[in-house]
Amino acid sequence: KNKGVAAIRSEWLARFRTGNVSMDQGGDTVPRIAVECLVREHVVEYLGRRVGLNLKIVMSSAKDRIYCLVRAPTSLLEQKADLMDYKLRFRGEVDPGVYFWHRKEGHDNLKQPIYVEILEESNLYLKNEANE
């Protein structure tokens, strides 16, 4: 929790260049939308880069909402289950469809599109490498 607060505080100072927003102390004002944007960016960055979840941000068809599609790679689920000594019972994975995957430039040998997440999960690791 403290690391998250420190990270947001650091981003706050970098973006708004003020540490004083207390109305009681005559502080500066910051628009609410700017604060919401800062927190949203921090949460997305944390879940994507630090936790390892696959995220995709999309706008609603009416352009009035923002959705964040979240997917946990199988390797991440396996690591967490192993730490908890939990035996996973996998069902066949449901493919969320091509709109979810990040497409890479070009095609493979069979002239099929290349998707980044599928490439990442196709790597085979030795047990020591996977535990790092």
N, C-alpha and C. Protein backbone atom coordinates (compact mmCIF):
# COMPACT_ATOMS: atom_id res chain seq x y z
N LYS A 1 0.82 -1.19 0.00
CA LYS A 1 0.00 0.00 0.00
C LYS A 1 0.87 1.26 0.00
N ASN A 2 1.89 1.27 0.83
CA ASN A 2 2.75 2.46 0.93
C ASN A 2 3.49 2.73 -0.37
N LYS A 3 3.90 1.66 -1.07
CA LYS A 3 4.59 1.84 -2.35
C LYS A 3 3.65 2.48 -3.38
N GLY A 4 2.39 2.04 -3.37
CA GLY A 4 1.41 2.61 -4.29
C GLY A 4 1.15 4.08 -4.02
N VAL A 5 1.03 4.42 -2.74
CA VAL A 5 0.83 5.82 -2.36
C VAL A 5 2.03 6.66 -2.78
N ALA A 6 3.23 6.14 -2.53
CA ALA A 6 4.46 6.86 -2.90
C ALA A 6 4.53 7.05 -4.42
N ALA A 7 4.14 6.02 -5.19
CA ALA A 7 4.18 6.12 -6.64
C ALA A 7 3.20 7.18 -7.15
N ILE A 8 2.00 7.20 -6.59
CA ILE A 8 1.02 8.20 -7.00
C ILE A 8 1.48 9.59 -6.58
N ARG A 9 2.05 9.71 -5.39
CA ARG A 9 2.55 11.01 -4.92
C ARG A 9 3.63 11.54 -5.87
N SER A 10 4.54 10.66 -6.27
CA SER A 10 5.61 11.04 -7.18
C SER A 10 5.05 11.49 -8.53
N GLU A 11 4.09 10.72 -9.07
CA GLU A 11 3.45 11.09 -10.34
C GLU A 11 2.69 12.40 -10.20
N TRP A 12 2.03 12.58 -9.05
CA TRP A 12 1.28 13.81 -8.78
C TRP A 12 2.20 15.03 -8.88
N LEU A 13 3.33 14.94 -8.17
CA LEU A 13 4.27 16.07 -8.16
C LEU A 13 4.83 16.33 -9.56
N ALA A 14 5.12 15.25 -10.30
CA ALA A 14 5.67 15.42 -11.65
C ALA A 14 4.63 16.05 -12.59
N ARG A 15 3.38 15.66 -12.46
CA ARG A 15 2.36 16.14 -13.37
C ARG A 15 1.81 17.52 -12.99
N PHE A 16 1.50 17.71 -11.70
CA PHE A 16 0.83 18.94 -11.28
C PHE A 16 1.79 19.97 -10.67
N ARG A 17 3.02 19.56 -10.40
CA ARG A 17 4.05 20.44 -9.86
C ARG A 17 3.62 21.17 -8.58
N THR A 18 2.83 20.50 -7.79
CA THR A 18 2.42 21.05 -6.50
C THR A 18 2.16 19.91 -5.53
N GLY A 19 2.48 20.14 -4.29
CA GLY A 19 2.19 19.14 -3.26
C GLY A 19 1.12 19.65 -2.31
N ASN A 20 0.67 20.88 -2.54
CA ASN A 20 -0.29 21.50 -1.63
C ASN A 20 -1.62 21.70 -2.35
N VAL A 21 -2.59 20.83 -2.07
CA VAL A 21 -3.91 20.98 -2.66
C VAL A 21 -4.98 21.09 -1.57
N SER A 22 -4.55 21.35 -0.36
CA SER A 22 -5.49 21.50 0.75
C SER A 22 -6.16 22.86 0.67
N MET A 23 -7.47 22.88 0.54
CA MET A 23 -8.22 24.14 0.48
C MET A 23 -8.08 24.90 1.81
N ASP A 24 -7.95 24.17 2.92
CA ASP A 24 -7.81 24.82 4.23
C ASP A 24 -6.50 25.59 4.33
N GLN A 25 -5.49 25.15 3.59
CA GLN A 25 -4.17 25.79 3.66
C GLN A 25 -3.91 26.68 2.44
N GLY A 26 -4.97 27.04 1.71
CA GLY A 26 -4.81 27.91 0.55
C GLY A 26 -4.09 27.25 -0.60
N GLY A 27 -4.28 25.96 -0.75
CA GLY A 27 -3.57 25.22 -1.78
C GLY A 27 -4.11 25.44 -3.17
N ASP A 28 -3.41 24.87 -4.13
CA ASP A 28 -3.81 24.95 -5.53
C ASP A 28 -4.99 24.02 -5.77
N THR A 29 -5.72 24.27 -6.84
CA THR A 29 -6.82 23.37 -7.21
C THR A 29 -6.42 22.57 -8.44
N VAL A 30 -6.88 21.34 -8.48
CA VAL A 30 -6.61 20.46 -9.60
C VAL A 30 -7.95 19.91 -10.07
N PRO A 31 -8.24 19.96 -11.36
CA PRO A 31 -9.53 19.45 -11.85
C PRO A 31 -9.71 17.96 -11.51
N ARG A 32 -10.92 17.61 -11.14
CA ARG A 32 -11.23 16.23 -10.76
C ARG A 32 -10.88 15.25 -11.88
N ILE A 33 -11.17 15.61 -13.12
CA ILE A 33 -10.89 14.72 -14.25
C ILE A 33 -9.40 14.42 -14.36
N ALA A 34 -8.55 15.39 -14.01
CA ALA A 34 -7.10 15.18 -14.05
C ALA A 34 -6.67 14.19 -12.98
N VAL A 35 -7.29 14.27 -11.81
CA VAL A 35 -6.98 13.34 -10.72
C VAL A 35 -7.43 11.93 -11.10
N GLU A 36 -8.64 11.81 -11.65
CA GLU A 36 -9.15 10.50 -12.07
C GLU A 36 -8.25 9.89 -13.15
N CYS A 37 -7.79 10.70 -14.07
CA CYS A 37 -6.91 10.24 -15.14
C CYS A 37 -5.58 9.73 -14.56
N LEU A 38 -5.02 10.46 -13.61
CA LEU A 38 -3.77 10.06 -12.97
C LEU A 38 -3.92 8.71 -12.28
N VAL A 39 -4.98 8.54 -11.51
CA VAL A 39 -5.20 7.29 -10.78
C VAL A 39 -5.45 6.15 -11.76
N ARG A 40 -6.26 6.39 -12.80
CA ARG A 40 -6.54 5.34 -13.80
C ARG A 40 -5.25 4.89 -14.48
N GLU A 41 -4.41 5.83 -14.88
CA GLU A 41 -3.14 5.48 -15.53
C GLU A 41 -2.25 4.68 -14.59
N HIS A 42 -2.24 5.06 -13.31
CA HIS A 42 -1.42 4.34 -12.33
C HIS A 42 -1.91 2.90 -12.17
N VAL A 43 -3.21 2.71 -12.06
CA VAL A 43 -3.77 1.36 -11.88
C VAL A 43 -3.50 0.50 -13.11
N VAL A 44 -3.72 1.05 -14.30
CA VAL A 44 -3.47 0.29 -15.53
C VAL A 44 -2.00 -0.08 -15.65
N GLU A 45 -1.11 0.86 -15.35
CA GLU A 45 0.33 0.59 -15.41
C GLU A 45 0.71 -0.49 -14.41
N TYR A 46 0.16 -0.43 -13.21
CA TYR A 46 0.48 -1.41 -12.18
C TYR A 46 0.01 -2.81 -12.58
N LEU A 47 -1.22 -2.93 -13.03
CA LEU A 47 -1.76 -4.24 -13.41
C LEU A 47 -1.05 -4.81 -14.63
N GLY A 48 -0.74 -3.96 -15.57
CA GLY A 48 -0.11 -4.43 -16.81
C GLY A 48 1.35 -4.76 -16.68
N ARG A 49 2.14 -3.81 -16.19
CA ARG A 49 3.59 -4.01 -16.17
C ARG A 49 4.08 -4.76 -14.95
N ARG A 50 3.55 -4.45 -13.80
CA ARG A 50 4.09 -5.04 -12.57
C ARG A 50 3.45 -6.36 -12.21
N VAL A 51 2.15 -6.49 -12.43
CA VAL A 51 1.45 -7.72 -12.07
C VAL A 51 1.54 -8.73 -13.21
N GLY A 52 1.57 -8.26 -14.44
CA GLY A 52 1.71 -9.16 -15.58
C GLY A 52 0.41 -9.51 -16.27
N LEU A 53 -0.68 -8.81 -15.95
CA LEU A 53 -1.94 -9.07 -16.63
C LEU A 53 -1.93 -8.44 -18.01
N ASN A 54 -2.69 -9.01 -18.93
CA ASN A 54 -2.86 -8.44 -20.26
C ASN A 54 -4.07 -7.51 -20.19
N LEU A 55 -3.89 -6.27 -20.60
CA LEU A 55 -4.96 -5.29 -20.54
C LEU A 55 -5.18 -4.69 -21.91
N LYS A 56 -6.42 -4.37 -22.18
CA LYS A 56 -6.75 -3.65 -23.40
C LYS A 56 -7.82 -2.63 -23.05
N ILE A 57 -7.55 -1.38 -23.35
CA ILE A 57 -8.48 -0.30 -23.05
C ILE A 57 -9.28 -0.01 -24.32
N VAL A 58 -10.61 -0.03 -24.21
CA VAL A 58 -11.47 0.25 -25.35
C VAL A 58 -12.56 1.24 -24.96
N MET A 59 -13.00 1.99 -25.93
CA MET A 59 -14.07 2.97 -25.73
C MET A 59 -15.40 2.30 -26.09
N SER A 60 -16.45 2.64 -25.38
CA SER A 60 -17.77 2.10 -25.71
C SER A 60 -18.22 2.63 -27.07
N SER A 61 -19.17 1.95 -27.67
CA SER A 61 -19.63 2.39 -28.99
C SER A 61 -20.28 3.77 -28.92
N ALA A 62 -20.85 4.13 -27.78
CA ALA A 62 -21.45 5.46 -27.60
C ALA A 62 -20.41 6.51 -27.21
N LYS A 63 -19.16 6.07 -27.03
CA LYS A 63 -18.04 6.96 -26.67
C LYS A 63 -18.24 7.67 -25.32
N ASP A 64 -19.06 7.05 -24.44
CA ASP A 64 -19.29 7.68 -23.15
C ASP A 64 -18.70 6.88 -21.99
N ARG A 65 -18.09 5.74 -22.30
CA ARG A 65 -17.47 4.91 -21.27
C ARG A 65 -16.16 4.33 -21.77
N ILE A 66 -15.27 4.04 -20.82
CA ILE A 66 -14.01 3.40 -21.14
C ILE A 66 -14.02 2.05 -20.44
N TYR A 67 -13.73 0.98 -21.17
CA TYR A 67 -13.67 -0.35 -20.60
C TYR A 67 -12.23 -0.84 -20.60
N CYS A 68 -11.89 -1.60 -19.59
CA CYS A 68 -10.58 -2.21 -19.50
C CYS A 68 -10.78 -3.72 -19.50
N LEU A 69 -10.39 -4.37 -20.59
CA LEU A 69 -10.48 -5.82 -20.68
C LEU A 69 -9.23 -6.40 -20.03
N VAL A 70 -9.43 -7.35 -19.13
CA VAL A 70 -8.32 -7.90 -18.36
C VAL A 70 -8.24 -9.40 -18.59
N ARG A 71 -7.02 -9.88 -18.80
CA ARG A 71 -6.79 -11.32 -19.03
C ARG A 71 -5.54 -11.72 -18.28
N ALA A 72 -5.61 -12.82 -17.57
CA ALA A 72 -4.42 -13.36 -16.88
C ALA A 72 -3.83 -14.47 -17.73
N PRO A 73 -2.56 -14.34 -18.13
CA PRO A 73 -1.93 -15.41 -18.90
C PRO A 73 -1.87 -16.70 -18.07
N THR A 74 -1.95 -17.82 -18.73
CA THR A 74 -1.92 -19.12 -18.05
C THR A 74 -0.68 -19.25 -17.19
N SER A 75 0.46 -18.76 -17.67
CA SER A 75 1.71 -18.88 -16.90
C SER A 75 1.60 -18.14 -15.57
N LEU A 76 0.95 -17.00 -15.55
CA LEU A 76 0.77 -16.24 -14.31
C LEU A 76 -0.14 -16.98 -13.34
N LEU A 77 -1.22 -17.56 -13.86
CA LEU A 77 -2.12 -18.35 -13.02
C LEU A 77 -1.38 -19.54 -12.41
N GLU A 78 -0.55 -20.20 -13.22
CA GLU A 78 0.21 -21.35 -12.72
C GLU A 78 1.18 -20.93 -11.62
N GLN A 79 1.87 -19.79 -11.80
CA GLN A 79 2.82 -19.32 -10.78
C GLN A 79 2.12 -19.01 -9.47
N LYS A 80 1.00 -18.30 -9.54
CA LYS A 80 0.27 -17.94 -8.32
C LYS A 80 -0.29 -19.18 -7.64
N ALA A 81 -0.80 -20.12 -8.41
CA ALA A 81 -1.34 -21.36 -7.84
C ALA A 81 -0.23 -22.15 -7.15
N ASP A 82 0.96 -22.16 -7.76
CA ASP A 82 2.09 -22.88 -7.17
C ASP A 82 2.51 -22.25 -5.85
N LEU A 83 2.52 -20.92 -5.78
CA LEU A 83 2.86 -20.23 -4.53
C LEU A 83 1.87 -20.55 -3.42
N MET A 84 0.61 -20.73 -3.79
CA MET A 84 -0.44 -21.01 -2.80
C MET A 84 -0.63 -22.51 -2.57
N ASP A 85 0.16 -23.32 -3.27
CA ASP A 85 0.02 -24.78 -3.24
C ASP A 85 -1.42 -25.18 -3.60
N TYR A 86 -1.92 -24.56 -4.63
CA TYR A 86 -3.28 -24.79 -5.10
C TYR A 86 -3.22 -25.59 -6.39
N LYS A 87 -4.00 -26.64 -6.48
CA LYS A 87 -4.03 -27.47 -7.68
C LYS A 87 -5.05 -26.90 -8.66
N LEU A 88 -4.55 -26.47 -9.80
CA LEU A 88 -5.42 -25.88 -10.82
C LEU A 88 -6.21 -26.95 -11.55
N ARG A 89 -7.45 -26.64 -11.82
CA ARG A 89 -8.29 -27.50 -12.65
C ARG A 89 -8.65 -26.69 -13.88
N PHE A 90 -7.91 -26.88 -14.95
CA PHE A 90 -8.14 -26.09 -16.15
C PHE A 90 -9.25 -26.69 -17.00
N ARG A 91 -10.09 -25.83 -17.44
CA ARG A 91 -11.05 -26.17 -18.49
C ARG A 91 -10.44 -25.65 -19.77
N GLY A 92 -10.98 -26.04 -20.86
CA GLY A 92 -10.48 -25.51 -22.12
C GLY A 92 -10.57 -23.98 -22.10
N GLU A 93 -9.50 -23.33 -22.50
CA GLU A 93 -9.47 -21.87 -22.47
C GLU A 93 -10.43 -21.31 -23.50
N VAL A 94 -11.15 -20.28 -23.10
CA VAL A 94 -12.07 -19.62 -24.01
C VAL A 94 -11.33 -18.46 -24.66
N ASP A 95 -11.27 -18.48 -25.96
CA ASP A 95 -10.60 -17.41 -26.69
C ASP A 95 -11.54 -16.20 -26.73
N PRO A 96 -11.09 -15.05 -26.21
CA PRO A 96 -11.98 -13.87 -26.20
C PRO A 96 -12.19 -13.26 -27.58
N GLY A 97 -11.51 -13.76 -28.59
CA GLY A 97 -11.70 -13.25 -29.95
C GLY A 97 -10.57 -12.33 -30.38
N VAL A 98 -10.49 -12.10 -31.66
CA VAL A 98 -9.38 -11.34 -32.22
C VAL A 98 -9.36 -9.88 -31.79
N TYR A 99 -10.49 -9.33 -31.37
CA TYR A 99 -10.50 -7.93 -30.95
C TYR A 99 -9.66 -7.71 -29.69
N PHE A 100 -9.40 -8.77 -28.91
CA PHE A 100 -8.65 -8.63 -27.66
C PHE A 100 -7.14 -8.64 -27.89
N TRP A 101 -6.67 -9.44 -28.81
CA TRP A 101 -5.24 -9.66 -29.00
C TRP A 101 -4.56 -8.48 -29.68
N HIS A 102 -3.31 -8.25 -29.30
CA HIS A 102 -2.50 -7.20 -29.94
C HIS A 102 -1.81 -7.81 -31.16
N ARG A 103 -2.14 -7.28 -32.31
CA ARG A 103 -1.63 -7.84 -33.57
C ARG A 103 -0.27 -7.25 -33.90
N LYS A 104 0.66 -8.11 -34.32
CA LYS A 104 2.00 -7.70 -34.71
C LYS A 104 2.04 -7.54 -36.23
N GLU A 105 2.94 -6.68 -36.70
CA GLU A 105 3.08 -6.47 -38.15
C GLU A 105 3.46 -7.78 -38.84
N GLY A 106 2.95 -7.99 -40.01
CA GLY A 106 3.33 -9.15 -40.82
C GLY A 106 2.48 -10.39 -40.54
N HIS A 107 2.92 -11.50 -41.14
CA HIS A 107 2.21 -12.77 -41.02
C HIS A 107 3.22 -13.88 -40.77
N ASP A 108 2.72 -15.03 -40.28
CA ASP A 108 3.61 -16.17 -40.08
C ASP A 108 3.77 -16.93 -41.40
N ASN A 109 4.43 -18.10 -41.32
CA ASN A 109 4.70 -18.89 -42.53
C ASN A 109 3.43 -19.35 -43.24
N LEU A 110 2.34 -19.49 -42.47
CA LEU A 110 1.08 -19.94 -43.06
C LEU A 110 0.18 -18.76 -43.46
N LYS A 111 0.78 -17.56 -43.50
CA LYS A 111 0.08 -16.33 -43.87
C LYS A 111 -1.04 -15.98 -42.90
N GLN A 112 -0.86 -16.40 -41.63
CA GLN A 112 -1.82 -16.07 -40.57
C GLN A 112 -1.29 -14.86 -39.80
N PRO A 113 -2.19 -14.05 -39.22
CA PRO A 113 -1.72 -12.90 -38.43
C PRO A 113 -0.94 -13.37 -37.20
N ILE A 114 -0.02 -12.53 -36.74
CA ILE A 114 0.80 -12.85 -35.57
C ILE A 114 0.28 -12.02 -34.40
N TYR A 115 -0.02 -12.69 -33.27
CA TYR A 115 -0.52 -12.00 -32.08
C TYR A 115 0.53 -12.07 -30.98
N VAL A 116 0.83 -10.92 -30.37
CA VAL A 116 1.91 -10.79 -29.39
C VAL A 116 1.73 -11.73 -28.20
N GLU A 117 0.54 -11.77 -27.59
CA GLU A 117 0.32 -12.59 -26.39
C GLU A 117 0.49 -14.07 -26.68
N ILE A 118 0.06 -14.50 -27.85
CA ILE A 118 0.18 -15.92 -28.20
C ILE A 118 1.65 -16.27 -28.39
N LEU A 119 2.43 -15.36 -28.97
CA LEU A 119 3.88 -15.58 -29.10
C LEU A 119 4.53 -15.71 -27.73
N GLU A 120 4.15 -14.83 -26.80
CA GLU A 120 4.74 -14.84 -25.45
C GLU A 120 4.45 -16.16 -24.74
N GLU A 121 3.24 -16.67 -24.89
CA GLU A 121 2.87 -17.90 -24.19
C GLU A 121 3.40 -19.16 -24.89
N SER A 122 3.90 -19.03 -26.10
CA SER A 122 4.39 -20.21 -26.81
C SER A 122 5.84 -20.55 -26.45
N ASN A 123 6.50 -19.68 -25.67
CA ASN A 123 7.88 -19.96 -25.26
C ASN A 123 7.92 -21.10 -24.26
N LEU A 124 8.84 -22.01 -24.46
CA LEU A 124 9.03 -23.11 -23.52
C LEU A 124 10.23 -22.79 -22.64
N TYR A 125 10.08 -22.98 -21.34
CA TYR A 125 11.15 -22.68 -20.39
C TYR A 125 11.49 -23.91 -19.59
N LEU A 126 12.77 -24.02 -19.20
CA LEU A 126 13.16 -25.03 -18.23
C LEU A 126 12.61 -24.61 -16.89
N LYS A 127 12.50 -25.54 -15.94
CA LYS A 127 11.89 -25.25 -14.66
C LYS A 127 12.60 -24.10 -13.94
N ASN A 128 13.95 -24.08 -13.96
CA ASN A 128 14.68 -23.02 -13.27
C ASN A 128 14.37 -21.65 -13.89
N GLU A 129 14.30 -21.60 -15.22
CA GLU A 129 13.99 -20.33 -15.90
C GLU A 129 12.59 -19.85 -15.58
N ALA A 130 11.65 -20.78 -15.53
CA ALA A 130 10.25 -20.41 -15.26
C ALA A 130 10.07 -19.90 -13.83
N ASN A 131 10.91 -20.38 -12.91
CA ASN A 131 10.80 -19.95 -11.50
C ASN A 131 11.41 -18.60 -11.23
N GLU A 132 12.14 -18.04 -12.19
CA GLU A 132 12.80 -16.75 -11.96
C GLU A 132 11.82 -15.62 -12.05
